[in-house]
Amino acid sequence: MIVFTDGLDTSSELRPEQVSAMASAIDVPVYVMTVLSAVERESGSQSERAETPLRALSRATGGDLFETSAPAHESVAARQIVDELRHQYVLAFAASSASGWHALTVRTSNRNLTVRARTGYTAGGHVGSL
């Protein structure tokens, strides 16, 4: 899923953690692209508001946050997203039978590689619908 936003939360009904849990439950990486004006990007004021919850949301699901302020930035971000989606792997593991949140950590032996993976999963119970 790719979300385009100005980064300002004016009417959310769910907290970022709830959205993250729902996206993780259906195994959907969320890529967020904040579209800022050049002035907003340089001032950092909007970037600071958008970065923390949106970056946490995207990374928890295996995606990432891209801040853009020009069509060229958006094009680079879109190419990076497509490149990442083309180089995905599927890892299988035995899920815990205990209910609740279970953290996951994925590492490689090559420290030069970047791993994007969801941060965990919820076992038992119903997370909700999108």
C-alpha atoms as a PDB file:
ATOM      1  CA  MET A   1       0.000   0.000   0.000  1.00  0.00           C
ATOM      2  CA  ILE A   2       1.278   3.450  -0.858  1.00  0.00           C
ATOM      3  CA  VAL A   3      -0.138   6.413   1.068  1.00  0.00           C
ATOM      4  CA  PHE A   4       0.266   9.971  -0.215  1.00  0.00           C
ATOM      5  CA  THR A   5      -0.210  12.619   2.462  1.00  0.00           C
ATOM      6  CA  ASP A   6       0.773  16.112   3.547  1.00  0.00           C
ATOM      7  CA  GLY A   7       1.658  14.562   6.897  1.00  0.00           C
ATOM      8  CA  LEU A   8      -0.897  16.492   8.926  1.00  0.00           C
ATOM      9  CA  ASP A   9      -3.382  14.438  10.902  1.00  0.00           C
ATOM     10  CA  THR A  10      -6.640  16.370  10.968  1.00  0.00           C
ATOM     11  CA  SER A  11      -9.295  13.693  11.400  1.00  0.00           C
ATOM     12  CA  SER A  12      -7.919  10.201  12.036  1.00  0.00           C
ATOM     13  CA  GLU A  13     -10.241   7.833  13.818  1.00  0.00           C
ATOM     14  CA  LEU A  14      -7.471   5.271  14.476  1.00  0.00           C
ATOM     15  CA  ARG A  15      -4.076   5.671  16.097  1.00  0.00           C
ATOM     16  CA  PRO A  16      -0.985   4.759  14.012  1.00  0.00           C
ATOM     17  CA  GLU A  17      -0.443   1.658  16.183  1.00  0.00           C
ATOM     18  CA  GLN A  18      -3.945   0.415  15.353  1.00  0.00           C
ATOM     19  CA  VAL A  19      -3.444   0.947  11.625  1.00  0.00           C
ATOM     20  CA  SER A  20      -0.046  -0.745  11.833  1.00  0.00           C
ATOM     21  CA  ALA A  21      -1.552  -3.774  13.607  1.00  0.00           C
ATOM     22  CA  MET A  22      -4.305  -4.046  10.998  1.00  0.00           C
ATOM     23  CA  ALA A  23      -1.858  -3.786   8.077  1.00  0.00           C
ATOM     24  CA  SER A  24       0.498  -6.304   9.691  1.00  0.00           C
ATOM     25  CA  ALA A  25      -2.377  -8.721  10.302  1.00  0.00           C
ATOM     26  CA  ILE A  26      -3.014  -8.928   6.562  1.00  0.00           C
ATOM     27  CA  ASP A  27       0.715  -8.723   5.738  1.00  0.00           C
ATOM     28  CA  VAL A  28       0.621  -5.448   3.816  1.00  0.00           C
ATOM     29  CA  PRO A  29       3.736  -3.258   3.764  1.00  0.00           C
ATOM     30  CA  VAL A  30       2.788   0.421   3.965  1.00  0.00           C
ATOM     31  CA  TYR A  31       4.917   2.962   2.105  1.00  0.00           C
ATOM     32  CA  VAL A  32       4.153   6.566   3.003  1.00  0.00           C
ATOM     33  CA  MET A  33       5.052   9.457   0.718  1.00  0.00           C
ATOM     34  CA  THR A  34       4.676  12.863   2.339  1.00  0.00           C
ATOM     35  CA  VAL A  35       4.238  15.562  -0.270  1.00  0.00           C
ATOM     36  CA  LEU A  36       5.633  18.799   1.153  1.00  0.00           C
ATOM     37  CA  SER A  37       6.340  22.175  -0.373  1.00  0.00           C
ATOM     38  CA  ALA A  38      10.027  23.078  -0.628  1.00  0.00           C
ATOM     39  CA  VAL A  39       9.501  25.681   2.113  1.00  0.00           C
ATOM     40  CA  GLU A  40       7.905  23.119   4.459  1.00  0.00           C
ATOM     41  CA  ARG A  41      10.679  20.624   3.804  1.00  0.00           C
ATOM     42  CA  GLU A  42      13.434  23.182   4.451  1.00  0.00           C
ATOM     43  CA  SER A  43      11.783  24.527   7.620  1.00  0.00           C
ATOM     44  CA  GLY A  44      11.411  21.018   9.000  1.00  0.00           C
ATOM     45  CA  SER A  45       8.283  21.997  10.912  1.00  0.00           C
ATOM     46  CA  GLN A  46       5.905  19.755   8.992  1.00  0.00           C
ATOM     47  CA  SER A  47       8.523  17.068   8.510  1.00  0.00           C
ATOM     48  CA  GLU A  48       8.931  16.686  12.261  1.00  0.00           C
ATOM     49  CA  ARG A  49       5.189  16.262  12.770  1.00  0.00           C
ATOM     50  CA  ALA A  50       4.868  13.749   9.932  1.00  0.00           C
ATOM     51  CA  GLU A  51       8.037  11.760  10.501  1.00  0.00           C
ATOM     52  CA  THR A  52       7.625  10.062  13.850  1.00  0.00           C
ATOM     53  CA  PRO A  53       4.188   8.400  13.638  1.00  0.00           C
ATOM     54  CA  LEU A  54       4.248   7.891   9.880  1.00  0.00           C
ATOM     55  CA  ARG A  55       7.778   6.471   9.812  1.00  0.00           C
ATOM     56  CA  ALA A  56       6.896   4.161  12.718  1.00  0.00           C
ATOM     57  CA  LEU A  57       3.742   3.020  10.905  1.00  0.00           C
ATOM     58  CA  SER A  58       5.528   2.344   7.645  1.00  0.00           C
ATOM     59  CA  ARG A  59       8.527   0.585   9.158  1.00  0.00           C
ATOM     60  CA  ALA A  60       6.405  -1.573  11.471  1.00  0.00           C
ATOM     61  CA  THR A  61       4.718  -3.018   8.388  1.00  0.00           C
ATOM     62  CA  GLY A  62       7.917  -3.493   6.379  1.00  0.00           C
ATOM     63  CA  GLY A  63       7.552  -0.303   4.334  1.00  0.00           C
ATOM     64  CA  ASP A  64       9.235   3.076   4.639  1.00  0.00           C
ATOM     65  CA  LEU A  65       8.587   6.825   4.688  1.00  0.00           C
ATOM     66  CA  PHE A  66       9.639   9.092   1.818  1.00  0.00           C
ATOM     67  CA  GLU A  67       9.519  12.874   2.110  1.00  0.00           C
ATOM     68  CA  THR A  68       9.115  14.604  -1.231  1.00  0.00           C
ATOM     69  CA  SER A  69       8.876  18.240  -2.268  1.00  0.00           C
ATOM     70  CA  ALA A  70       9.344  18.057  -6.039  1.00  0.00           C
ATOM     71  CA  PRO A  71       8.273  15.739  -8.865  1.00  0.00           C
ATOM     72  CA  ALA A  72      11.869  14.533  -9.178  1.00  0.00           C
ATOM     73  CA  HIS A  73      11.841  13.415  -5.508  1.00  0.00           C
ATOM     74  CA  GLU A  74       8.540  11.606  -6.050  1.00  0.00           C
ATOM     75  CA  SER A  75       9.941   9.821  -9.086  1.00  0.00           C
ATOM     76  CA  VAL A  76      13.026   8.660  -7.171  1.00  0.00           C
ATOM     77  CA  ALA A  77      10.884   7.462  -4.264  1.00  0.00           C
ATOM     78  CA  ALA A  78       8.511   5.606  -6.609  1.00  0.00           C
ATOM     79  CA  ARG A  79      11.445   3.867  -8.302  1.00  0.00           C
ATOM     80  CA  GLN A  80      12.868   2.847  -4.928  1.00  0.00           C
ATOM     81  CA  ILE A  81       9.517   1.416  -3.833  1.00  0.00           C
ATOM     82  CA  VAL A  82       9.193  -0.574  -7.070  1.00  0.00           C
ATOM     83  CA  ASP A  83      12.771  -1.808  -6.713  1.00  0.00           C
ATOM     84  CA  GLU A  84      12.115  -2.956  -3.149  1.00  0.00           C
ATOM     85  CA  LEU A  85       8.914  -4.728  -4.153  1.00  0.00           C
ATOM     86  CA  ARG A  86      10.783  -6.566  -6.928  1.00  0.00           C
ATOM     87  CA  HIS A  87      13.382  -7.846  -4.460  1.00  0.00           C
ATOM     88  CA  GLN A  88      11.129  -9.220  -1.758  1.00  0.00           C
ATOM     89  CA  TYR A  89      11.527 -12.596  -0.120  1.00  0.00           C
ATOM     90  CA  VAL A  90       8.971 -14.609   1.769  1.00  0.00           C
ATOM     91  CA  LEU A  91      10.081 -16.042   5.091  1.00  0.00           C
ATOM     92  CA  ALA A  92       8.013 -18.691   6.854  1.00  0.00           C
ATOM     93  CA  PHE A  93       8.135 -19.562  10.531  1.00  0.00           C
ATOM     94  CA  ALA A  94       6.043 -21.377  13.100  1.00  0.00           C
ATOM     95  CA  ALA A  95       3.821 -18.809  14.788  1.00  0.00           C
ATOM     96  CA  SER A  96       3.416 -18.796  18.536  1.00  0.00           C
ATOM     97  CA  SER A  97       0.267 -20.328  19.964  1.00  0.00           C
ATOM     98  CA  ALA A  98       0.215 -17.685  22.723  1.00  0.00           C
ATOM     99  CA  SER A  99      -2.221 -14.823  22.123  1.00  0.00           C
ATOM    100  CA  GLY A 100      -0.948 -11.283  21.780  1.00  0.00           C
ATOM    101  CA  TRP A 101       1.827  -9.358  20.085  1.00  0.00           C
ATOM    102  CA  HIS A 102       5.038 -11.183  19.135  1.00  0.00           C
ATOM    103  CA  ALA A 103       8.058  -9.167  17.985  1.00  0.00           C
ATOM    104  CA  LEU A 104      10.058 -10.305  14.958  1.00  0.00           C
ATOM    105  CA  THR A 105      13.626  -9.444  14.028  1.00  0.00           C
ATOM    106  CA  VAL A 106      15.103 -10.269  10.615  1.00  0.00           C
ATOM    107  CA  ARG A 107      18.864  -9.919  10.110  1.00  0.00           C
ATOM    108  CA  THR A 108      21.365 -10.844   7.425  1.00  0.00           C
ATOM    109  CA  SER A 109      24.957 -11.878   7.784  1.00  0.00           C
ATOM    110  CA  ASN A 110      25.888  -9.110   5.309  1.00  0.00           C
ATOM    111  CA  ARG A 111      25.721  -5.805   7.227  1.00  0.00           C
ATOM    112  CA  ASN A 112      25.645  -3.843   3.936  1.00  0.00           C
ATOM    113  CA  LEU A 113      22.137  -5.074   3.150  1.00  0.00           C
ATOM    114  CA  THR A 114      18.983  -3.290   4.264  1.00  0.00           C
ATOM    115  CA  VAL A 115      16.181  -5.442   5.627  1.00  0.00           C
ATOM    116  CA  ARG A 116      12.629  -4.147   5.667  1.00  0.00           C
ATOM    117  CA  ALA A 117      10.304  -6.453   7.513  1.00  0.00           C
ATOM    118  CA  ARG A 118       7.293  -6.062   9.700  1.00  0.00           C
ATOM    119  CA  THR A 119       8.199  -5.756  13.360  1.00  0.00           C
ATOM    120  CA  GLY A 120       5.925  -8.517  14.604  1.00  0.00           C
ATOM    121  CA  TYR A 121       2.533 -10.172  14.473  1.00  0.00           C
ATOM    122  CA  THR A 122      -0.523 -10.657  16.623  1.00  0.00           C
ATOM    123  CA  ALA A 123      -1.587 -14.208  17.411  1.00  0.00           C
ATOM    124  CA  GLY A 124      -5.087 -15.105  18.497  1.00  0.00           C
ATOM    125  CA  GLY A 125      -8.033 -12.752  18.496  1.00  0.00           C
ATOM    126  CA  HIS A 126      -9.332 -10.546  15.717  1.00  0.00           C
ATOM    127  CA  VAL A 127      -7.452  -7.320  14.896  1.00  0.00           C
ATOM    128  CA  GLY A 128     -10.278  -5.668  12.980  1.00  0.00           C
ATOM    129  CA  SER A 129     -11.022  -4.843   9.386  1.00  0.00           C
ATOM    130  CA  LEU A 130      -9.629  -2.068   7.214  1.00  0.00           C
END
